[in-house]
């Protein structure tokens, strides 16, 4: 069964709110669902993976990057690169709590492209609610 981008988003949206528990305690059936979600044929979306990662971290600042990767449908390494980009752009801050990271978003920062420069990160994050 081939999932469309809409199906993928619906599954991710449905499972997001319990992502930590869902990912931490997968049964064989749930594993198949996650594999279907992450292996769905890639189609274009209006928001970039950078925006998707930022939206996930705005919903849950303590989310593990491994969990973000599953929700966005990209590799954990790609999420790490995106987080690095966001930190360098001063859009995202990282605070350590033992071995765990917590992420702080600078919502007042303006979007980077000239066409969107009059909008802030907080406006973008409203799309993800």
N, C-alpha and C. Protein backbone atom coordinates (compact mmCIF):
# COMPACT_ATOMS: atom_id res chain seq x y z
N UNK A 1 0.84 -1.18 0.00
CA UNK A 1 0.00 0.00 0.00
C UNK A 1 0.88 1.25 0.00
N UNK A 2 0.67 2.13 -0.95
CA UNK A 2 1.44 3.36 -1.05
C UNK A 2 0.70 4.49 -0.35
N UNK A 3 1.37 5.16 0.60
CA UNK A 3 0.74 6.26 1.33
C UNK A 3 1.02 7.57 0.62
N UNK A 4 0.03 8.42 0.57
CA UNK A 4 0.22 9.75 0.00
C UNK A 4 0.82 10.66 1.07
N UNK A 5 1.25 11.83 0.67
CA UNK A 5 1.79 12.80 1.63
C UNK A 5 0.72 13.16 2.66
N UNK A 6 -0.52 13.25 2.23
CA UNK A 6 -1.62 13.58 3.13
C UNK A 6 -1.80 12.47 4.18
N UNK A 7 -1.73 11.20 3.74
CA UNK A 7 -1.83 10.08 4.67
C UNK A 7 -0.69 10.12 5.68
N UNK A 8 0.52 10.42 5.16
CA UNK A 8 1.70 10.48 6.02
C UNK A 8 1.51 11.55 7.08
N UNK A 9 1.06 12.75 6.68
CA UNK A 9 0.85 13.84 7.61
C UNK A 9 -0.20 13.48 8.65
N UNK A 10 -1.28 12.84 8.21
CA UNK A 10 -2.36 12.46 9.13
C UNK A 10 -1.84 11.48 10.18
N UNK A 11 -1.08 10.49 9.74
CA UNK A 11 -0.53 9.51 10.69
C UNK A 11 0.42 10.18 11.67
N UNK A 12 1.30 11.02 11.15
CA UNK A 12 2.25 11.70 12.02
C UNK A 12 1.52 12.61 12.98
N UNK A 13 0.55 13.37 12.49
CA UNK A 13 -0.23 14.27 13.35
C UNK A 13 -0.96 13.48 14.43
N UNK A 14 -1.54 12.34 14.05
CA UNK A 14 -2.28 11.51 15.00
C UNK A 14 -1.37 10.98 16.09
N UNK A 15 -0.19 10.54 15.72
CA UNK A 15 0.71 9.93 16.70
C UNK A 15 1.61 10.94 17.40
N UNK A 16 1.66 12.19 16.93
CA UNK A 16 2.59 13.14 17.50
C UNK A 16 2.40 13.35 19.00
N UNK A 17 1.18 13.55 19.42
CA UNK A 17 0.94 13.96 20.80
C UNK A 17 1.36 12.90 21.81
N UNK A 18 1.51 11.67 21.37
CA UNK A 18 2.02 10.63 22.25
C UNK A 18 3.28 10.02 21.66
N UNK A 19 4.07 10.84 20.99
CA UNK A 19 5.22 10.34 20.25
C UNK A 19 6.23 9.65 21.15
N UNK A 20 6.51 10.22 22.30
CA UNK A 20 7.52 9.61 23.17
C UNK A 20 7.09 8.20 23.58
N UNK A 21 5.86 8.07 24.05
CA UNK A 21 5.37 6.76 24.48
C UNK A 21 5.21 5.83 23.29
N UNK A 22 4.72 6.36 22.19
CA UNK A 22 4.48 5.55 21.00
C UNK A 22 5.78 4.96 20.49
N UNK A 23 6.81 5.78 20.37
CA UNK A 23 8.08 5.31 19.84
C UNK A 23 8.78 4.41 20.85
N UNK A 24 8.64 4.73 22.14
CA UNK A 24 9.31 3.96 23.17
C UNK A 24 8.70 2.58 23.38
N UNK A 25 7.46 2.37 22.98
CA UNK A 25 6.82 1.08 23.25
C UNK A 25 6.08 0.56 22.01
N UNK A 26 6.80 0.43 20.91
CA UNK A 26 6.17 -0.02 19.67
C UNK A 26 5.92 -1.53 19.67
N UNK A 27 4.75 -1.91 19.19
CA UNK A 27 4.50 -3.31 18.94
C UNK A 27 4.87 -3.58 17.49
N UNK A 28 4.80 -4.83 17.07
CA UNK A 28 5.14 -5.13 15.68
C UNK A 28 4.21 -4.41 14.72
N UNK A 29 2.93 -4.31 15.05
CA UNK A 29 1.98 -3.63 14.17
C UNK A 29 2.31 -2.14 14.05
N UNK A 30 2.63 -1.50 15.19
CA UNK A 30 2.95 -0.09 15.16
C UNK A 30 4.24 0.15 14.39
N UNK A 31 5.20 -0.76 14.50
CA UNK A 31 6.45 -0.64 13.75
C UNK A 31 6.16 -0.62 12.26
N UNK A 32 5.24 -1.46 11.82
CA UNK A 32 4.88 -1.47 10.40
C UNK A 32 4.28 -0.12 9.99
N UNK A 33 3.45 0.46 10.86
CA UNK A 33 2.85 1.76 10.55
C UNK A 33 3.94 2.81 10.41
N UNK A 34 4.88 2.86 11.37
CA UNK A 34 5.96 3.83 11.31
C UNK A 34 6.80 3.63 10.06
N UNK A 35 7.11 2.37 9.72
CA UNK A 35 7.89 2.11 8.51
C UNK A 35 7.14 2.59 7.28
N UNK A 36 5.83 2.38 7.23
CA UNK A 36 5.03 2.85 6.10
C UNK A 36 5.06 4.38 6.04
N UNK A 37 4.96 5.04 7.19
CA UNK A 37 4.96 6.49 7.23
C UNK A 37 6.29 7.03 6.72
N UNK A 38 7.40 6.47 7.20
CA UNK A 38 8.70 7.01 6.84
C UNK A 38 9.16 6.57 5.46
N UNK A 39 8.58 5.51 4.92
CA UNK A 39 9.02 5.07 3.61
C UNK A 39 8.07 5.48 2.49
N UNK A 40 7.05 6.25 2.83
CA UNK A 40 6.11 6.71 1.81
C UNK A 40 6.87 7.52 0.77
N UNK A 41 6.46 7.39 -0.48
CA UNK A 41 7.14 8.09 -1.56
C UNK A 41 7.10 9.59 -1.30
N UNK A 42 8.24 10.21 -1.40
CA UNK A 42 8.37 11.63 -1.08
C UNK A 42 7.66 12.50 -2.11
N UNK A 43 6.90 13.45 -1.60
CA UNK A 43 6.24 14.44 -2.44
C UNK A 43 6.55 15.81 -1.86
N UNK A 44 6.37 16.84 -2.66
CA UNK A 44 6.70 18.17 -2.18
C UNK A 44 5.67 18.66 -1.18
N UNK A 45 6.11 19.55 -0.31
CA UNK A 45 5.23 20.18 0.67
C UNK A 45 5.49 21.68 0.66
N UNK A 46 4.61 22.45 1.24
CA UNK A 46 4.80 23.90 1.29
C UNK A 46 5.87 24.30 2.31
N UNK A 47 6.04 23.50 3.34
CA UNK A 47 7.03 23.83 4.36
C UNK A 47 8.25 22.93 4.20
N UNK A 48 9.40 23.47 4.52
CA UNK A 48 10.66 22.72 4.42
C UNK A 48 10.82 21.81 5.64
N UNK A 49 11.80 20.92 5.56
CA UNK A 49 12.11 20.07 6.71
C UNK A 49 12.58 20.91 7.89
N UNK A 50 13.24 22.04 7.62
CA UNK A 50 13.64 22.94 8.70
C UNK A 50 12.40 23.43 9.47
N UNK A 51 11.37 23.80 8.74
CA UNK A 51 10.13 24.25 9.38
C UNK A 51 9.47 23.11 10.14
N UNK A 52 9.46 21.92 9.56
CA UNK A 52 8.86 20.77 10.24
C UNK A 52 9.58 20.46 11.55
N UNK A 53 10.90 20.49 11.54
CA UNK A 53 11.68 20.24 12.76
C UNK A 53 11.36 21.31 13.80
N UNK A 54 11.32 22.55 13.37
CA UNK A 54 11.04 23.66 14.29
C UNK A 54 9.65 23.52 14.90
N UNK A 55 8.68 23.14 14.12
CA UNK A 55 7.31 22.95 14.62
C UNK A 55 7.27 21.82 15.65
N UNK A 56 7.95 20.72 15.36
CA UNK A 56 8.00 19.61 16.33
C UNK A 56 8.61 20.06 17.64
N UNK A 57 9.72 20.79 17.57
CA UNK A 57 10.39 21.23 18.80
C UNK A 57 9.61 22.32 19.53
N UNK A 58 8.78 23.07 18.81
CA UNK A 58 7.95 24.06 19.49
C UNK A 58 6.84 23.38 20.28
N UNK A 59 6.35 22.27 19.77
CA UNK A 59 5.30 21.52 20.46
C UNK A 59 5.83 20.81 21.70
N UNK A 60 7.06 20.30 21.58
CA UNK A 60 7.67 19.59 22.71
C UNK A 60 9.17 19.85 22.71
N UNK A 61 9.63 20.83 23.48
CA UNK A 61 11.05 21.22 23.49
C UNK A 61 11.99 20.12 24.00
N UNK A 62 11.46 19.10 24.66
CA UNK A 62 12.28 18.02 25.20
C UNK A 62 12.30 16.79 24.30
N UNK A 63 11.71 16.89 23.13
CA UNK A 63 11.63 15.76 22.21
C UNK A 63 13.03 15.35 21.76
N UNK A 64 13.28 14.04 21.73
CA UNK A 64 14.56 13.54 21.24
C UNK A 64 14.63 13.71 19.72
N UNK A 65 15.82 13.96 19.20
CA UNK A 65 15.97 14.14 17.75
C UNK A 65 15.58 12.88 16.99
N UNK A 66 15.76 11.75 17.62
CA UNK A 66 15.33 10.48 17.03
C UNK A 66 13.82 10.48 16.80
N UNK A 67 13.08 11.01 17.75
CA UNK A 67 11.62 11.10 17.63
C UNK A 67 11.21 12.14 16.59
N UNK A 68 11.94 13.24 16.55
CA UNK A 68 11.67 14.27 15.55
C UNK A 68 11.85 13.69 14.15
N UNK A 69 12.90 12.90 13.98
CA UNK A 69 13.18 12.29 12.67
C UNK A 69 12.01 11.42 12.21
N UNK A 70 11.44 10.65 13.12
CA UNK A 70 10.30 9.80 12.77
C UNK A 70 9.10 10.65 12.39
N UNK A 71 8.85 11.70 13.16
CA UNK A 71 7.70 12.55 12.89
C UNK A 71 7.81 13.29 11.56
N UNK A 72 9.00 13.77 11.24
CA UNK A 72 9.21 14.52 10.01
C UNK A 72 9.36 13.59 8.81
N UNK A 73 9.85 12.37 9.08
CA UNK A 73 10.04 11.40 7.99
C UNK A 73 11.39 11.52 7.32
N UNK A 74 12.40 11.96 8.10
CA UNK A 74 13.77 12.05 7.59
C UNK A 74 14.69 11.32 8.56
N UNK A 75 15.97 11.24 8.22
CA UNK A 75 16.90 10.52 9.08
C UNK A 75 17.26 11.36 10.31
N UNK A 76 17.73 10.68 11.33
CA UNK A 76 18.17 11.38 12.54
C UNK A 76 19.36 12.29 12.22
N UNK A 77 20.22 11.84 11.33
CA UNK A 77 21.38 12.64 10.92
C UNK A 77 20.92 13.94 10.24
N UNK A 78 19.89 13.85 9.41
CA UNK A 78 19.35 15.05 8.75
C UNK A 78 18.79 16.01 9.78
N UNK A 79 18.12 15.49 10.80
CA UNK A 79 17.58 16.35 11.87
C UNK A 79 18.73 17.03 12.61
N UNK A 80 19.80 16.30 12.88
CA UNK A 80 20.96 16.88 13.56
C UNK A 80 21.54 18.04 12.75
N UNK A 81 21.61 17.87 11.44
CA UNK A 81 22.12 18.92 10.56
C UNK A 81 21.20 20.13 10.57
N UNK A 82 19.90 19.89 10.54
CA UNK A 82 18.92 20.98 10.58
C UNK A 82 19.01 21.73 11.90
N UNK A 83 19.12 21.01 13.02
CA UNK A 83 19.25 21.65 14.33
C UNK A 83 20.52 22.51 14.36
N UNK A 84 21.60 21.99 13.81
CA UNK A 84 22.86 22.75 13.74
C UNK A 84 22.65 24.04 12.94
N UNK A 85 21.95 23.95 11.80
CA UNK A 85 21.65 25.14 10.99
C UNK A 85 20.84 26.16 11.79
N UNK A 86 19.82 25.68 12.49
CA UNK A 86 18.94 26.57 13.26
C UNK A 86 19.67 27.23 14.42
N UNK A 87 20.60 26.50 15.05
CA UNK A 87 21.39 27.06 16.14
C UNK A 87 22.33 28.13 15.58
N UNK A 88 22.98 27.85 14.45
CA UNK A 88 23.90 28.83 13.85
C UNK A 88 23.16 30.09 13.42
N UNK A 89 21.89 29.95 13.01
CA UNK A 89 21.09 31.10 12.60
C UNK A 89 20.47 31.82 13.80
N UNK A 90 20.76 31.34 15.00
CA UNK A 90 20.23 31.91 16.26
C UNK A 90 18.71 31.86 16.34
N UNK A 91 18.14 30.85 15.69
CA UNK A 91 16.71 30.62 15.76
C UNK A 91 16.40 29.63 16.89
N UNK A 92 17.36 28.76 17.17
CA UNK A 92 17.19 27.70 18.16
C UNK A 92 18.33 27.73 19.15
N UNK A 93 18.01 27.55 20.41
CA UNK A 93 19.01 27.43 21.46
C UNK A 93 18.89 26.06 22.10
N UNK A 94 20.00 25.55 22.63
CA UNK A 94 20.00 24.23 23.26
C UNK A 94 20.43 24.38 24.71
N UNK A 95 19.66 23.81 25.62
CA UNK A 95 20.07 23.76 27.02
C UNK A 95 20.15 22.30 27.43
N UNK A 96 21.18 21.98 28.19
CA UNK A 96 21.42 20.61 28.63
C UNK A 96 20.80 20.38 30.00
N UNK A 97 20.22 19.20 30.18
CA UNK A 97 19.74 18.76 31.48
C UNK A 97 20.23 17.34 31.64
N UNK A 98 21.42 17.19 32.22
CA UNK A 98 22.04 15.87 32.28
C UNK A 98 22.45 15.44 30.88
N UNK A 99 21.94 14.30 30.44
CA UNK A 99 22.24 13.80 29.10
C UNK A 99 21.21 14.26 28.07
N UNK A 100 20.14 14.88 28.52
CA UNK A 100 19.05 15.29 27.62
C UNK A 100 19.22 16.74 27.20
N UNK A 101 18.75 17.03 26.01
CA UNK A 101 18.72 18.41 25.51
C UNK A 101 17.29 18.93 25.56
N UNK A 102 17.18 20.21 25.80
CA UNK A 102 15.91 20.90 25.70
C UNK A 102 16.15 22.07 24.74
N UNK A 103 15.17 22.33 23.89
CA UNK A 103 15.35 23.32 22.83
C UNK A 103 14.49 24.55 23.09
N UNK A 104 15.10 25.72 22.90
CA UNK A 104 14.43 26.99 23.10
C UNK A 104 14.42 27.72 21.75
N UNK A 105 13.24 28.15 21.33
CA UNK A 105 13.09 28.80 20.03
C UNK A 105 13.03 30.31 20.22
N UNK A 106 13.80 31.02 19.42
CA UNK A 106 13.77 32.48 19.40
C UNK A 106 12.66 32.88 18.43
N UNK A 107 11.44 32.97 18.93
CA UNK A 107 10.25 33.18 18.10
C UNK A 107 10.18 34.58 17.51
N UNK A 108 10.97 35.51 18.03
CA UNK A 108 10.97 36.88 17.50
C UNK A 108 11.84 37.03 16.26
N UNK A 109 12.69 36.04 16.01
CA UNK A 109 13.58 36.07 14.84
C UNK A 109 12.75 36.13 13.56
N UNK A 110 13.21 36.89 12.60
CA UNK A 110 12.52 37.02 11.31
C UNK A 110 12.87 35.84 10.40
N UNK A 111 11.96 35.51 9.49
CA UNK A 111 12.24 34.46 8.51
C UNK A 111 13.35 34.94 7.57
N UNK A 112 14.08 34.00 7.00
CA UNK A 112 15.32 34.35 6.32
C UNK A 112 15.18 34.81 4.87
N UNK A 113 14.21 34.33 4.15
CA UNK A 113 14.09 34.66 2.73
C UNK A 113 13.51 36.07 2.56
N UNK A 114 13.96 36.77 1.53
CA UNK A 114 13.49 38.15 1.30
C UNK A 114 11.98 38.25 1.17
N UNK A 115 11.35 37.26 0.56
CA UNK A 115 9.90 37.30 0.39
C UNK A 115 9.14 37.13 1.70
N UNK A 116 9.80 36.56 2.72
CA UNK A 116 9.15 36.29 4.00
C UNK A 116 9.74 37.11 5.14
N UNK A 117 10.68 37.99 4.84
CA UNK A 117 11.45 38.69 5.87
C UNK A 117 10.60 39.57 6.79
N UNK A 118 9.39 39.89 6.36
CA UNK A 118 8.54 40.72 7.23
C UNK A 118 7.68 39.86 8.16
N UNK A 119 7.96 38.57 8.21
CA UNK A 119 7.24 37.65 9.11
C UNK A 119 8.22 37.03 10.10
N UNK A 120 7.70 36.66 11.26
CA UNK A 120 8.56 36.09 12.31
C UNK A 120 8.38 34.58 12.43
N UNK A 121 9.28 33.98 13.17
CA UNK A 121 9.22 32.55 13.45
C UNK A 121 7.91 32.22 14.17
N UNK A 122 7.47 33.11 15.05
CA UNK A 122 6.22 32.84 15.79
C UNK A 122 5.03 32.69 14.84
N UNK A 123 5.00 33.46 13.76
CA UNK A 123 3.93 33.32 12.77
C UNK A 123 3.99 31.97 12.08
N UNK A 124 5.21 31.51 11.78
CA UNK A 124 5.39 30.20 11.17
C UNK A 124 4.90 29.10 12.11
N UNK A 125 5.24 29.22 13.37
CA UNK A 125 4.87 28.19 14.34
C UNK A 125 3.37 28.10 14.55
N UNK A 126 2.65 29.19 14.31
CA UNK A 126 1.18 29.16 14.42
C UNK A 126 0.58 28.21 13.39
N UNK A 127 1.26 28.03 12.26
CA UNK A 127 0.79 27.10 11.23
C UNK A 127 0.76 25.65 11.74
N UNK A 128 1.67 25.35 12.66
CA UNK A 128 1.80 23.98 13.15
C UNK A 128 0.88 23.63 14.29
N UNK A 129 0.01 24.55 14.67
CA UNK A 129 -0.90 24.26 15.81
C UNK A 129 -2.19 23.68 15.37
